[in-house]
Amino acid sequence: MPRHRLPRGNDLSARILSFLAADDERLADFMELSGLTPGNFRLVAGTPGMADALVDYVLEDEFRIVAFAAYCEVSPDEVCRMPRRLRVVKGG
């Protein structure tokens, strides 16, 4: 498997969102666990709190770590080294 590097900040948030959107069940699980609805999901998308929730969601489950690593073509160890709190720029 080719190895790449994970993006940072807004790009990492976007990559995690793409990962979630690629699987309806995973996206529904994230929304249920985070208490989001389609209406308020749009309101919080791109905020630092949402970015942090996305990272937490991936990192709290070993299966998701491995799946996200495969999705990004990186090692699970690199996923585990993702910063818990992202520096995101709203609208960036």
N, C-alpha and C. Protein backbone atom coordinates (compact mmCIF):
# COMPACT_ATOMS: atom_id res chain seq x y z
N MET A 1 0.86 -1.18 0.00
CA MET A 1 0.00 0.00 0.00
C MET A 1 0.90 1.24 0.00
N PRO A 2 0.64 2.19 -0.90
CA PRO A 2 1.43 3.42 -0.90
C PRO A 2 1.20 4.19 0.39
N ARG A 3 2.21 4.85 0.84
CA ARG A 3 2.09 5.63 2.07
C ARG A 3 2.13 7.11 1.75
N HIS A 4 1.21 7.81 2.32
CA HIS A 4 1.11 9.25 2.16
C HIS A 4 1.15 9.87 3.55
N ARG A 5 1.03 11.17 3.60
CA ARG A 5 0.97 11.87 4.89
C ARG A 5 -0.45 12.40 5.05
N LEU A 6 -0.89 12.42 6.29
CA LEU A 6 -2.20 13.00 6.57
C LEU A 6 -2.13 14.51 6.42
N PRO A 7 -3.19 15.10 5.91
CA PRO A 7 -3.23 16.56 5.88
C PRO A 7 -3.40 17.11 7.29
N ARG A 8 -3.37 18.39 7.43
CA ARG A 8 -3.52 19.05 8.74
C ARG A 8 -4.70 20.03 8.70
N GLY A 9 -5.13 20.45 9.87
CA GLY A 9 -6.14 21.50 9.99
C GLY A 9 -7.41 21.23 9.20
N ASN A 10 -7.83 22.24 8.46
CA ASN A 10 -9.07 22.16 7.68
C ASN A 10 -9.04 20.99 6.71
N ASP A 11 -7.88 20.74 6.11
CA ASP A 11 -7.79 19.64 5.14
C ASP A 11 -8.01 18.29 5.81
N LEU A 12 -7.54 18.14 7.04
CA LEU A 12 -7.78 16.90 7.77
C LEU A 12 -9.26 16.75 8.10
N SER A 13 -9.90 17.83 8.52
CA SER A 13 -11.34 17.79 8.79
C SER A 13 -12.11 17.38 7.54
N ALA A 14 -11.73 17.96 6.41
CA ALA A 14 -12.39 17.63 5.15
C ALA A 14 -12.18 16.16 4.79
N ARG A 15 -10.98 15.65 5.05
CA ARG A 15 -10.69 14.24 4.74
C ARG A 15 -11.52 13.32 5.62
N ILE A 16 -11.65 13.66 6.90
CA ILE A 16 -12.48 12.84 7.79
C ILE A 16 -13.93 12.90 7.36
N LEU A 17 -14.42 14.08 7.00
CA LEU A 17 -15.80 14.19 6.52
C LEU A 17 -16.01 13.34 5.27
N SER A 18 -15.04 13.34 4.37
CA SER A 18 -15.15 12.50 3.17
C SER A 18 -15.20 11.03 3.53
N PHE A 19 -14.37 10.65 4.50
CA PHE A 19 -14.35 9.28 5.01
C PHE A 19 -15.72 8.89 5.56
N LEU A 20 -16.32 9.77 6.35
CA LEU A 20 -17.65 9.49 6.91
C LEU A 20 -18.70 9.43 5.82
N ALA A 21 -18.65 10.37 4.89
CA ALA A 21 -19.66 10.44 3.83
C ALA A 21 -19.58 9.25 2.88
N ALA A 22 -18.45 8.59 2.83
CA ALA A 22 -18.28 7.43 1.95
C ALA A 22 -19.03 6.21 2.46
N ASP A 23 -19.53 6.27 3.67
CA ASP A 23 -20.24 5.14 4.28
C ASP A 23 -21.43 5.67 5.07
N ASP A 24 -22.63 5.45 4.56
CA ASP A 24 -23.84 5.98 5.20
C ASP A 24 -23.97 5.54 6.66
N GLU A 25 -23.62 4.31 6.94
CA GLU A 25 -23.73 3.80 8.30
C GLU A 25 -22.76 4.53 9.24
N ARG A 26 -21.55 4.75 8.76
CA ARG A 26 -20.55 5.44 9.58
C ARG A 26 -20.97 6.89 9.83
N LEU A 27 -21.49 7.54 8.79
CA LEU A 27 -21.95 8.93 8.95
C LEU A 27 -23.11 9.00 9.94
N ALA A 28 -24.05 8.07 9.83
CA ALA A 28 -25.19 8.05 10.76
C ALA A 28 -24.72 7.80 12.19
N ASP A 29 -23.72 6.92 12.35
CA ASP A 29 -23.17 6.64 13.67
C ASP A 29 -22.54 7.90 14.27
N PHE A 30 -21.74 8.61 13.47
CA PHE A 30 -21.12 9.85 13.95
C PHE A 30 -22.19 10.86 14.36
N MET A 31 -23.20 11.02 13.53
CA MET A 31 -24.24 12.01 13.85
C MET A 31 -25.00 11.62 15.11
N GLU A 32 -25.29 10.35 15.26
CA GLU A 32 -26.00 9.90 16.47
C GLU A 32 -25.14 10.10 17.72
N LEU A 33 -23.89 9.70 17.65
CA LEU A 33 -23.01 9.85 18.81
C LEU A 33 -22.74 11.30 19.17
N SER A 34 -22.70 12.17 18.17
CA SER A 34 -22.42 13.58 18.42
C SER A 34 -23.68 14.40 18.70
N GLY A 35 -24.84 13.79 18.49
CA GLY A 35 -26.10 14.50 18.73
C GLY A 35 -26.47 15.46 17.62
N LEU A 36 -25.83 15.32 16.47
CA LEU A 36 -26.11 16.22 15.35
C LEU A 36 -27.27 15.73 14.51
N THR A 37 -27.94 16.67 13.87
CA THR A 37 -28.98 16.39 12.89
C THR A 37 -28.51 17.01 11.57
N PRO A 38 -29.13 16.64 10.47
CA PRO A 38 -28.72 17.27 9.21
C PRO A 38 -28.79 18.80 9.26
N GLY A 39 -29.76 19.34 9.98
CA GLY A 39 -29.89 20.80 10.08
C GLY A 39 -28.77 21.45 10.85
N ASN A 40 -28.45 20.93 12.03
CA ASN A 40 -27.39 21.58 12.80
C ASN A 40 -26.00 21.12 12.36
N PHE A 41 -25.92 20.02 11.63
CA PHE A 41 -24.64 19.58 11.07
C PHE A 41 -24.07 20.67 10.17
N ARG A 42 -24.92 21.24 9.35
CA ARG A 42 -24.49 22.31 8.43
C ARG A 42 -24.04 23.56 9.19
N LEU A 43 -24.67 23.82 10.33
CA LEU A 43 -24.32 25.00 11.12
C LEU A 43 -22.96 24.90 11.78
N VAL A 44 -22.57 23.69 12.19
CA VAL A 44 -21.31 23.53 12.90
C VAL A 44 -20.15 23.07 12.01
N ALA A 45 -20.46 22.69 10.79
CA ALA A 45 -19.40 22.25 9.88
C ALA A 45 -18.37 23.37 9.72
N GLY A 46 -17.11 23.00 9.80
CA GLY A 46 -16.03 23.98 9.64
C GLY A 46 -15.63 24.70 10.91
N THR A 47 -16.28 24.40 12.02
CA THR A 47 -15.91 25.05 13.28
C THR A 47 -14.84 24.22 14.00
N PRO A 48 -14.06 24.85 14.87
CA PRO A 48 -13.05 24.08 15.61
C PRO A 48 -13.66 22.93 16.42
N GLY A 49 -14.81 23.15 17.01
CA GLY A 49 -15.45 22.09 17.79
C GLY A 49 -15.82 20.89 16.94
N MET A 50 -16.29 21.14 15.74
CA MET A 50 -16.64 20.06 14.83
C MET A 50 -15.38 19.31 14.41
N ALA A 51 -14.31 20.04 14.10
CA ALA A 51 -13.06 19.41 13.70
C ALA A 51 -12.55 18.49 14.80
N ASP A 52 -12.61 18.96 16.03
CA ASP A 52 -12.16 18.15 17.15
C ASP A 52 -13.04 16.91 17.34
N ALA A 53 -14.35 17.07 17.16
CA ALA A 53 -15.27 15.94 17.28
C ALA A 53 -14.99 14.89 16.21
N LEU A 54 -14.64 15.33 15.02
CA LEU A 54 -14.32 14.39 13.94
C LEU A 54 -13.08 13.56 14.28
N VAL A 55 -12.05 14.24 14.77
CA VAL A 55 -10.81 13.53 15.16
C VAL A 55 -11.11 12.56 16.30
N ASP A 56 -11.85 13.03 17.30
CA ASP A 56 -12.19 12.16 18.43
C ASP A 56 -12.94 10.92 17.97
N TYR A 57 -13.88 11.11 17.05
CA TYR A 57 -14.68 9.99 16.55
C TYR A 57 -13.78 8.93 15.92
N VAL A 58 -12.83 9.35 15.11
CA VAL A 58 -11.93 8.38 14.47
C VAL A 58 -11.05 7.70 15.52
N LEU A 59 -10.50 8.47 16.44
CA LEU A 59 -9.52 7.94 17.38
C LEU A 59 -10.10 7.10 18.51
N GLU A 60 -11.41 7.16 18.71
CA GLU A 60 -11.97 6.43 19.86
C GLU A 60 -12.25 4.95 19.56
N ASP A 61 -11.98 4.51 18.34
CA ASP A 61 -12.30 3.13 17.99
C ASP A 61 -11.21 2.55 17.08
N GLU A 62 -10.64 1.43 17.46
CA GLU A 62 -9.54 0.84 16.70
C GLU A 62 -9.95 0.50 15.26
N PHE A 63 -11.15 -0.01 15.08
CA PHE A 63 -11.62 -0.32 13.73
C PHE A 63 -11.66 0.93 12.86
N ARG A 64 -12.15 2.05 13.44
CA ARG A 64 -12.19 3.30 12.66
C ARG A 64 -10.79 3.81 12.35
N ILE A 65 -9.86 3.65 13.30
CA ILE A 65 -8.47 4.06 13.04
C ILE A 65 -7.93 3.31 11.83
N VAL A 66 -8.11 2.00 11.82
CA VAL A 66 -7.61 1.17 10.72
C VAL A 66 -8.33 1.53 9.41
N ALA A 67 -9.63 1.71 9.47
CA ALA A 67 -10.39 2.04 8.26
C ALA A 67 -9.99 3.41 7.71
N PHE A 68 -9.82 4.39 8.59
CA PHE A 68 -9.41 5.72 8.13
C PHE A 68 -8.00 5.69 7.57
N ALA A 69 -7.12 4.91 8.19
CA ALA A 69 -5.76 4.77 7.67
C ALA A 69 -5.78 4.19 6.26
N ALA A 70 -6.58 3.17 6.05
CA ALA A 70 -6.69 2.57 4.71
C ALA A 70 -7.27 3.58 3.72
N TYR A 71 -8.27 4.32 4.15
CA TYR A 71 -8.90 5.34 3.30
C TYR A 71 -7.88 6.39 2.85
N CYS A 72 -6.99 6.77 3.76
CA CYS A 72 -5.99 7.81 3.48
C CYS A 72 -4.67 7.24 2.97
N GLU A 73 -4.56 5.92 2.93
CA GLU A 73 -3.33 5.25 2.52
C GLU A 73 -2.14 5.66 3.39
N VAL A 74 -2.38 5.63 4.70
CA VAL A 74 -1.33 5.89 5.69
C VAL A 74 -1.35 4.75 6.70
N SER A 75 -0.36 4.70 7.55
CA SER A 75 -0.34 3.67 8.58
C SER A 75 -1.30 4.04 9.72
N PRO A 76 -1.83 3.03 10.40
CA PRO A 76 -2.66 3.31 11.58
C PRO A 76 -1.89 4.13 12.63
N ASP A 77 -0.58 3.91 12.72
CA ASP A 77 0.21 4.69 13.67
C ASP A 77 0.16 6.18 13.36
N GLU A 78 0.18 6.53 12.07
CA GLU A 78 0.09 7.94 11.72
C GLU A 78 -1.26 8.52 12.10
N VAL A 79 -2.31 7.73 11.93
CA VAL A 79 -3.64 8.18 12.34
C VAL A 79 -3.66 8.42 13.84
N CYS A 80 -3.04 7.54 14.59
CA CYS A 80 -3.00 7.69 16.05
C CYS A 80 -2.23 8.93 16.48
N ARG A 81 -1.37 9.42 15.63
CA ARG A 81 -0.60 10.64 15.95
C ARG A 81 -1.32 11.92 15.53
N MET A 82 -2.54 11.79 15.00
CA MET A 82 -3.28 13.01 14.64
C MET A 82 -3.42 13.88 15.87
N PRO A 83 -3.31 15.18 15.69
CA PRO A 83 -3.52 16.06 16.85
C PRO A 83 -4.95 15.97 17.34
N ARG A 84 -5.13 15.89 18.64
CA ARG A 84 -6.49 15.82 19.21
C ARG A 84 -7.26 17.13 19.00
N ARG A 85 -6.57 18.21 18.95
CA ARG A 85 -7.21 19.51 18.74
C ARG A 85 -6.60 20.13 17.49
N LEU A 86 -7.45 20.39 16.52
CA LEU A 86 -6.96 20.90 15.24
C LEU A 86 -6.98 22.41 15.21
N ARG A 87 -6.04 22.96 14.49
CA ARG A 87 -6.07 24.40 14.21
C ARG A 87 -6.81 24.56 12.89
N VAL A 88 -8.05 24.99 13.01
CA VAL A 88 -8.84 25.18 11.80
C VAL A 88 -9.18 26.64 11.64
N VAL A 89 -9.40 27.03 10.43
CA VAL A 89 -9.78 28.40 10.12
C VAL A 89 -11.18 28.33 9.53
N LYS A 90 -12.14 28.96 10.19
CA LYS A 90 -13.52 28.95 9.72
C LYS A 90 -13.56 29.50 8.30
N GLY A 91 -14.19 28.71 7.43
CA GLY A 91 -14.31 29.13 6.03
C GLY A 91 -13.04 28.90 5.25
N GLY A 92 -12.03 28.26 5.86
CA GLY A 92 -10.75 28.05 5.21
C GLY A 92 -10.65 26.73 4.69
